[in-house]
């Protein structure tokens, strides 16, 4: 899953920067608000997933949205949740939220290069946190 996300999401966010409507950006902001208000890991993961789905939707690429729906389904499986429960601390949750805020701001600014770099960095942080520093292939 992480390998696929690393391959697809930086390219998808570039398309979202180019194609996102004001309504798409508002949907992203709504996901950020939901994540800020979340009090449980499950709530935070829900809004995290919804934000990444909103990026896919804003790309206006139906295949990317369909693939991301599959990724989202895997993220709801117990093995992914177990990994998150073991690795997602309050400090890390705060860091992920800030990374999301920065990505949405790059979309709002229509800065594709920045959004792509931020997304790649975000996904690499997730990969390192879940699978260890230097991890290049995930177990999920």
N, C-alpha and C. Protein backbone atom coordinates (compact mmCIF):
# COMPACT_ATOMS: atom_id res chain seq x y z
N UNK A 1 0.83 -1.20 0.00
CA UNK A 1 0.00 0.00 0.00
C UNK A 1 0.87 1.25 0.00
N UNK A 2 1.89 1.27 0.85
CA UNK A 2 2.74 2.47 0.91
C UNK A 2 3.50 2.66 -0.40
N UNK A 3 3.97 1.58 -1.01
CA UNK A 3 4.65 1.73 -2.30
C UNK A 3 3.72 2.36 -3.33
N UNK A 4 2.50 1.87 -3.38
CA UNK A 4 1.53 2.41 -4.34
C UNK A 4 1.22 3.87 -4.03
N UNK A 5 1.03 4.18 -2.75
CA UNK A 5 0.75 5.56 -2.38
C UNK A 5 1.91 6.48 -2.77
N UNK A 6 3.13 6.03 -2.54
CA UNK A 6 4.30 6.84 -2.89
C UNK A 6 4.40 7.07 -4.40
N UNK A 7 3.95 6.10 -5.18
CA UNK A 7 3.98 6.26 -6.64
C UNK A 7 2.87 7.17 -7.14
N UNK A 8 1.67 7.05 -6.56
CA UNK A 8 0.50 7.72 -7.11
C UNK A 8 0.17 9.09 -6.51
N UNK A 9 0.23 9.19 -5.21
CA UNK A 9 -0.30 10.40 -4.57
C UNK A 9 0.47 11.67 -4.90
N UNK A 10 1.80 11.65 -5.00
CA UNK A 10 2.47 12.90 -5.41
C UNK A 10 2.03 13.37 -6.80
N UNK A 11 1.82 12.44 -7.72
CA UNK A 11 1.35 12.82 -9.06
C UNK A 11 -0.11 13.26 -9.02
N UNK A 12 -0.90 12.59 -8.19
CA UNK A 12 -2.31 12.96 -8.07
C UNK A 12 -2.50 14.34 -7.49
N UNK A 13 -1.67 14.70 -6.51
CA UNK A 13 -1.82 16.02 -5.90
C UNK A 13 -1.43 17.12 -6.89
N UNK A 14 -0.50 16.81 -7.79
CA UNK A 14 -0.17 17.79 -8.83
C UNK A 14 -1.41 18.07 -9.70
N UNK A 15 -2.13 17.03 -10.05
CA UNK A 15 -3.35 17.21 -10.85
C UNK A 15 -4.42 17.95 -10.05
N UNK A 16 -4.50 17.65 -8.75
CA UNK A 16 -5.47 18.35 -7.90
C UNK A 16 -5.17 19.85 -7.86
N UNK A 17 -3.90 20.20 -7.80
CA UNK A 17 -3.52 21.62 -7.80
C UNK A 17 -4.03 22.30 -9.06
N UNK A 18 -3.90 21.62 -10.17
CA UNK A 18 -4.30 22.21 -11.45
C UNK A 18 -5.81 22.24 -11.65
N UNK A 19 -6.54 21.30 -11.02
CA UNK A 19 -7.94 21.12 -11.34
C UNK A 19 -8.93 21.40 -10.21
N UNK A 20 -8.44 21.58 -8.99
CA UNK A 20 -9.34 21.73 -7.85
C UNK A 20 -10.21 22.98 -7.98
N UNK A 21 -11.48 22.80 -7.71
CA UNK A 21 -12.41 23.93 -7.69
C UNK A 21 -12.43 24.52 -6.27
N UNK A 22 -13.01 25.69 -6.11
CA UNK A 22 -13.17 26.22 -4.75
C UNK A 22 -13.93 25.25 -3.84
N UNK A 23 -14.92 24.54 -4.39
CA UNK A 23 -15.66 23.56 -3.59
C UNK A 23 -14.76 22.40 -3.16
N UNK A 24 -13.85 21.98 -4.04
CA UNK A 24 -12.90 20.92 -3.68
C UNK A 24 -12.01 21.37 -2.51
N UNK A 25 -11.54 22.60 -2.58
CA UNK A 25 -10.67 23.11 -1.51
C UNK A 25 -11.47 23.25 -0.22
N UNK A 26 -12.72 23.64 -0.30
CA UNK A 26 -13.57 23.69 0.90
C UNK A 26 -13.75 22.30 1.49
N UNK A 27 -13.89 21.29 0.64
CA UNK A 27 -14.00 19.91 1.13
C UNK A 27 -12.72 19.50 1.87
N UNK A 28 -11.58 19.90 1.34
CA UNK A 28 -10.30 19.62 2.00
C UNK A 28 -10.25 20.31 3.36
N UNK A 29 -10.68 21.57 3.39
CA UNK A 29 -10.71 22.31 4.65
C UNK A 29 -11.64 21.65 5.67
N UNK A 30 -12.77 21.13 5.20
CA UNK A 30 -13.71 20.43 6.09
C UNK A 30 -13.05 19.19 6.70
N UNK A 31 -12.27 18.49 5.91
CA UNK A 31 -11.55 17.32 6.43
C UNK A 31 -10.52 17.73 7.48
N UNK A 32 -9.84 18.84 7.24
CA UNK A 32 -8.87 19.34 8.23
C UNK A 32 -9.59 19.70 9.53
N UNK A 33 -10.76 20.34 9.43
CA UNK A 33 -11.52 20.68 10.63
C UNK A 33 -11.94 19.42 11.38
N UNK A 34 -12.38 18.41 10.65
CA UNK A 34 -12.75 17.15 11.28
C UNK A 34 -11.58 16.51 11.98
N UNK A 35 -10.42 16.52 11.34
CA UNK A 35 -9.22 15.93 11.95
C UNK A 35 -8.82 16.69 13.22
N UNK A 36 -8.93 18.01 13.18
CA UNK A 36 -8.60 18.82 14.38
C UNK A 36 -9.51 18.47 15.55
N UNK A 37 -10.79 18.22 15.25
CA UNK A 37 -11.76 17.92 16.31
C UNK A 37 -11.71 16.47 16.77
N UNK A 38 -11.04 15.61 16.04
CA UNK A 38 -11.06 14.18 16.36
C UNK A 38 -10.46 13.93 17.75
N UNK A 39 -11.06 12.98 18.44
CA UNK A 39 -10.59 12.62 19.78
C UNK A 39 -10.11 11.18 19.85
N UNK A 40 -10.38 10.40 18.81
CA UNK A 40 -9.93 9.02 18.79
C UNK A 40 -9.10 8.76 17.54
N UNK A 41 -8.33 7.70 17.58
CA UNK A 41 -7.56 7.30 16.41
C UNK A 41 -8.48 7.02 15.23
N UNK A 42 -9.59 6.36 15.50
CA UNK A 42 -10.52 6.02 14.42
C UNK A 42 -11.08 7.28 13.75
N UNK A 43 -11.42 8.28 14.54
CA UNK A 43 -11.91 9.54 13.96
C UNK A 43 -10.81 10.22 13.13
N UNK A 44 -9.61 10.27 13.69
CA UNK A 44 -8.51 10.90 12.98
C UNK A 44 -8.24 10.18 11.67
N UNK A 45 -8.22 8.86 11.70
CA UNK A 45 -7.98 8.07 10.50
C UNK A 45 -9.10 8.28 9.47
N UNK A 46 -10.33 8.41 9.95
CA UNK A 46 -11.45 8.68 9.03
C UNK A 46 -11.20 9.99 8.28
N UNK A 47 -10.87 11.05 9.00
CA UNK A 47 -10.68 12.35 8.35
C UNK A 47 -9.41 12.37 7.51
N UNK A 48 -8.40 11.63 7.93
CA UNK A 48 -7.18 11.49 7.14
C UNK A 48 -7.53 10.84 5.80
N UNK A 49 -8.27 9.73 5.86
CA UNK A 49 -8.69 9.04 4.65
C UNK A 49 -9.56 9.94 3.77
N UNK A 50 -10.50 10.64 4.37
CA UNK A 50 -11.38 11.53 3.61
C UNK A 50 -10.59 12.65 2.93
N UNK A 51 -9.56 13.17 3.60
CA UNK A 51 -8.74 14.22 3.00
C UNK A 51 -8.02 13.68 1.77
N UNK A 52 -7.40 12.52 1.91
CA UNK A 52 -6.70 11.95 0.76
C UNK A 52 -7.67 11.61 -0.37
N UNK A 53 -8.88 11.18 -0.02
CA UNK A 53 -9.90 10.94 -1.06
C UNK A 53 -10.30 12.26 -1.73
N UNK A 54 -10.32 13.35 -0.95
CA UNK A 54 -10.67 14.65 -1.55
C UNK A 54 -9.58 15.10 -2.51
N UNK A 55 -8.32 14.77 -2.21
CA UNK A 55 -7.25 15.08 -3.16
C UNK A 55 -7.47 14.31 -4.46
N UNK A 56 -7.81 13.02 -4.32
CA UNK A 56 -8.06 12.19 -5.51
C UNK A 56 -9.24 12.75 -6.31
N UNK A 57 -10.31 13.11 -5.64
CA UNK A 57 -11.48 13.66 -6.33
C UNK A 57 -11.13 14.95 -7.06
N UNK A 58 -10.33 15.79 -6.43
CA UNK A 58 -9.96 17.07 -7.03
C UNK A 58 -9.06 16.90 -8.25
N UNK A 59 -8.42 15.74 -8.36
CA UNK A 59 -7.57 15.49 -9.53
C UNK A 59 -8.41 15.34 -10.80
N UNK A 60 -9.72 15.08 -10.63
CA UNK A 60 -10.65 14.87 -11.73
C UNK A 60 -10.25 13.67 -12.59
N UNK A 61 -9.56 12.71 -11.97
CA UNK A 61 -9.17 11.50 -12.67
C UNK A 61 -9.93 10.34 -12.05
N UNK A 62 -10.96 9.83 -12.71
CA UNK A 62 -11.77 8.77 -12.13
C UNK A 62 -10.97 7.51 -11.76
N UNK A 63 -9.94 7.20 -12.53
CA UNK A 63 -9.13 6.02 -12.20
C UNK A 63 -8.36 6.24 -10.90
N UNK A 64 -7.83 7.44 -10.71
CA UNK A 64 -7.11 7.72 -9.48
C UNK A 64 -8.08 7.65 -8.30
N UNK A 65 -9.27 8.19 -8.45
CA UNK A 65 -10.27 8.13 -7.38
C UNK A 65 -10.64 6.68 -7.07
N UNK A 66 -10.78 5.86 -8.09
CA UNK A 66 -11.12 4.45 -7.88
C UNK A 66 -9.99 3.70 -7.17
N UNK A 67 -8.78 3.97 -7.59
CA UNK A 67 -7.63 3.32 -6.94
C UNK A 67 -7.53 3.80 -5.49
N UNK A 68 -7.77 5.10 -5.27
CA UNK A 68 -7.67 5.58 -3.89
C UNK A 68 -8.78 4.99 -3.02
N UNK A 69 -9.92 4.70 -3.59
CA UNK A 69 -10.99 4.04 -2.83
C UNK A 69 -10.51 2.67 -2.35
N UNK A 70 -9.77 1.96 -3.19
CA UNK A 70 -9.20 0.67 -2.79
C UNK A 70 -8.17 0.86 -1.67
N UNK A 71 -7.33 1.86 -1.80
CA UNK A 71 -6.35 2.15 -0.76
C UNK A 71 -7.07 2.46 0.54
N UNK A 72 -8.11 3.28 0.46
CA UNK A 72 -8.89 3.62 1.66
C UNK A 72 -9.49 2.40 2.32
N UNK A 73 -9.95 1.45 1.50
CA UNK A 73 -10.52 0.22 2.05
C UNK A 73 -9.47 -0.58 2.82
N UNK A 74 -8.26 -0.63 2.29
CA UNK A 74 -7.17 -1.33 2.99
C UNK A 74 -6.85 -0.63 4.30
N UNK A 75 -6.89 0.69 4.29
CA UNK A 75 -6.59 1.46 5.50
C UNK A 75 -7.61 1.19 6.61
N UNK A 76 -8.79 0.71 6.24
CA UNK A 76 -9.82 0.40 7.24
C UNK A 76 -9.67 -1.01 7.80
N UNK A 77 -8.80 -1.81 7.19
CA UNK A 77 -8.61 -3.18 7.67
C UNK A 77 -7.86 -3.19 8.99
N UNK A 78 -8.05 -4.26 9.74
CA UNK A 78 -7.51 -4.34 11.10
C UNK A 78 -5.99 -4.30 11.14
N UNK A 79 -5.31 -4.90 10.16
CA UNK A 79 -3.85 -4.91 10.19
C UNK A 79 -3.29 -3.49 10.10
N UNK A 80 -3.85 -2.66 9.23
CA UNK A 80 -3.41 -1.27 9.11
C UNK A 80 -3.72 -0.53 10.42
N UNK A 81 -4.92 -0.75 10.96
CA UNK A 81 -5.30 -0.11 12.21
C UNK A 81 -4.39 -0.50 13.36
N UNK A 82 -4.00 -1.77 13.41
CA UNK A 82 -3.09 -2.22 14.46
C UNK A 82 -1.75 -1.51 14.35
N UNK A 83 -1.24 -1.37 13.13
CA UNK A 83 0.02 -0.65 12.93
C UNK A 83 -0.12 0.81 13.39
N UNK A 84 -1.21 1.44 13.01
CA UNK A 84 -1.43 2.84 13.39
C UNK A 84 -1.53 2.98 14.91
N UNK A 85 -2.27 2.07 15.56
CA UNK A 85 -2.41 2.15 17.02
C UNK A 85 -1.06 2.03 17.72
N UNK A 86 -0.18 1.23 17.17
CA UNK A 86 1.15 1.04 17.77
C UNK A 86 2.08 2.21 17.50
N UNK A 87 1.82 2.98 16.46
CA UNK A 87 2.80 3.98 16.04
C UNK A 87 2.33 5.43 16.09
N UNK A 88 1.03 5.67 16.09
CA UNK A 88 0.54 7.06 16.00
C UNK A 88 0.37 7.66 17.38
N UNK A 89 1.35 8.43 17.80
CA UNK A 89 1.31 9.13 19.08
C UNK A 89 0.59 10.47 18.90
N UNK A 90 0.30 11.13 20.00
CA UNK A 90 -0.33 12.46 19.92
C UNK A 90 0.58 13.43 19.17
N UNK A 91 1.88 13.36 19.43
CA UNK A 91 2.82 14.25 18.74
C UNK A 91 2.86 13.96 17.25
N UNK A 92 2.81 12.70 16.90
CA UNK A 92 2.83 12.33 15.49
C UNK A 92 1.52 12.72 14.80
N UNK A 93 0.41 12.58 15.49
CA UNK A 93 -0.88 13.01 14.96
C UNK A 93 -0.82 14.51 14.65
N UNK A 94 -0.26 15.27 15.57
CA UNK A 94 -0.13 16.72 15.37
C UNK A 94 0.75 17.03 14.15
N UNK A 95 1.83 16.26 14.00
CA UNK A 95 2.74 16.46 12.86
C UNK A 95 2.02 16.12 11.55
N UNK A 96 1.29 15.01 11.52
CA UNK A 96 0.55 14.63 10.30
C UNK A 96 -0.49 15.69 9.95
N UNK A 97 -1.17 16.21 10.96
CA UNK A 97 -2.17 17.24 10.71
C UNK A 97 -1.50 18.48 10.10
N UNK A 98 -0.35 18.87 10.63
CA UNK A 98 0.34 20.04 10.08
C UNK A 98 0.79 19.77 8.64
N UNK A 99 1.24 18.55 8.37
CA UNK A 99 1.61 18.21 6.99
C UNK A 99 0.40 18.32 6.07
N UNK A 100 -0.75 17.87 6.55
CA UNK A 100 -1.98 17.98 5.76
C UNK A 100 -2.34 19.45 5.52
N UNK A 101 -2.24 20.26 6.55
CA UNK A 101 -2.53 21.69 6.42
C UNK A 101 -1.63 22.31 5.36
N UNK A 102 -0.35 21.96 5.40
CA UNK A 102 0.62 22.51 4.44
C UNK A 102 0.30 22.07 3.01
N UNK A 103 -0.11 20.81 2.85
CA UNK A 103 -0.46 20.31 1.50
C UNK A 103 -1.68 21.06 0.97
N UNK A 104 -2.71 21.21 1.81
CA UNK A 104 -3.91 21.92 1.37
C UNK A 104 -3.57 23.37 1.02
N UNK A 105 -2.70 23.98 1.80
CA UNK A 105 -2.30 25.37 1.50
C UNK A 105 -1.58 25.45 0.15
N UNK A 106 -0.75 24.46 -0.16
CA UNK A 106 -0.08 24.45 -1.46
C UNK A 106 -1.10 24.29 -2.59
N UNK A 107 -2.14 23.48 -2.36
CA UNK A 107 -3.21 23.36 -3.36
C UNK A 107 -3.90 24.71 -3.52
N UNK A 108 -4.22 25.35 -2.40
CA UNK A 108 -4.90 26.66 -2.44
C UNK A 108 -4.05 27.68 -3.20
N UNK A 109 -2.73 27.62 -3.03
CA UNK A 109 -1.81 28.55 -3.70
C UNK A 109 -1.51 28.15 -5.14
N UNK A 110 -2.04 26.99 -5.56
CA UNK A 110 -1.82 26.46 -6.91
C UNK A 110 -0.33 26.23 -7.18
N UNK A 111 0.36 25.73 -6.15
CA UNK A 111 1.79 25.46 -6.26
C UNK A 111 1.99 23.94 -6.37
N UNK A 112 2.01 23.44 -7.60
CA UNK A 112 2.08 22.00 -7.83
C UNK A 112 3.39 21.39 -7.34
N UNK A 113 4.51 22.06 -7.58
CA UNK A 113 5.80 21.51 -7.16
C UNK A 113 5.86 21.37 -5.64
N UNK A 114 5.38 22.39 -4.95
CA UNK A 114 5.39 22.35 -3.49
C UNK A 114 4.44 21.27 -2.97
N UNK A 115 3.25 21.19 -3.54
CA UNK A 115 2.28 20.19 -3.10
C UNK A 115 2.84 18.78 -3.30
N UNK A 116 3.48 18.54 -4.44
CA UNK A 116 4.06 17.24 -4.73
C UNK A 116 5.16 16.91 -3.72
N UNK A 117 6.05 17.86 -3.47
CA UNK A 117 7.14 17.63 -2.51
C UNK A 117 6.60 17.39 -1.11
N UNK A 118 5.60 18.17 -0.71
CA UNK A 118 5.00 17.99 0.61
C UNK A 118 4.31 16.63 0.74
N UNK A 119 3.61 16.21 -0.30
CA UNK A 119 2.94 14.92 -0.26
C UNK A 119 3.96 13.79 -0.16
N UNK A 120 5.00 13.87 -0.94
CA UNK A 120 6.04 12.84 -0.90
C UNK A 120 6.67 12.77 0.49
N UNK A 121 6.98 13.93 1.06
CA UNK A 121 7.54 13.96 2.41
C UNK A 121 6.58 13.39 3.44
N UNK A 122 5.31 13.73 3.33
CA UNK A 122 4.28 13.23 4.24
C UNK A 122 4.20 11.71 4.19
N UNK A 123 4.15 11.17 2.98
CA UNK A 123 4.06 9.72 2.83
C UNK A 123 5.31 9.02 3.32
N UNK A 124 6.46 9.61 3.10
CA UNK A 124 7.71 9.02 3.61
C UNK A 124 7.74 9.03 5.13
N UNK A 125 7.20 10.08 5.75
CA UNK A 125 7.12 10.12 7.21
C UNK A 125 6.22 8.99 7.72
N UNK A 126 5.08 8.82 7.07
CA UNK A 126 4.17 7.74 7.47
C UNK A 126 4.87 6.39 7.34
N UNK A 127 5.52 6.18 6.21
CA UNK A 127 6.20 4.92 5.97
C UNK A 127 7.27 4.66 7.04
N UNK A 128 8.07 5.67 7.36
CA UNK A 128 9.12 5.51 8.37
C UNK A 128 8.52 5.24 9.74
N UNK A 129 7.43 5.92 10.06
CA UNK A 129 6.81 5.73 11.37
C UNK A 129 6.19 4.34 11.51
N UNK A 130 5.58 3.87 10.45
CA UNK A 130 4.90 2.58 10.52
C UNK A 130 5.85 1.39 10.38
N UNK A 131 6.89 1.56 9.56
CA UNK A 131 7.74 0.42 9.23
C UNK A 131 9.19 0.58 9.64
N UNK A 132 9.53 1.73 10.22
CA UNK A 132 10.90 1.96 10.68
C UNK A 132 11.68 2.84 9.73
N UNK A 133 12.64 3.56 10.28
CA UNK A 133 13.49 4.43 9.44
C UNK A 133 14.18 3.64 8.34
N UNK A 134 14.24 4.22 7.17
CA UNK A 134 14.90 3.56 6.05
C UNK A 134 14.03 2.53 5.35
N UNK A 135 12.80 2.35 5.85
CA UNK A 135 11.90 1.37 5.22
C UNK A 135 11.59 1.82 3.80
N UNK A 136 11.68 0.93 2.89
CA UNK A 136 11.35 1.24 1.50
C UNK A 136 10.19 0.40 1.00
N UNK A 137 9.88 -0.68 1.71
CA UNK A 137 8.75 -1.51 1.31
C UNK A 137 7.94 -1.81 2.56
N UNK A 138 6.65 -1.61 2.48
CA UNK A 138 5.78 -1.88 3.61
C UNK A 138 5.26 -3.31 3.59
N UNK A 139 4.84 -3.77 4.76
CA UNK A 139 4.30 -5.12 4.87
C UNK A 139 2.84 -5.16 4.41
N UNK A 140 2.23 -3.99 4.32
CA UNK A 140 0.82 -3.95 3.94
C UNK A 140 0.70 -3.39 2.54
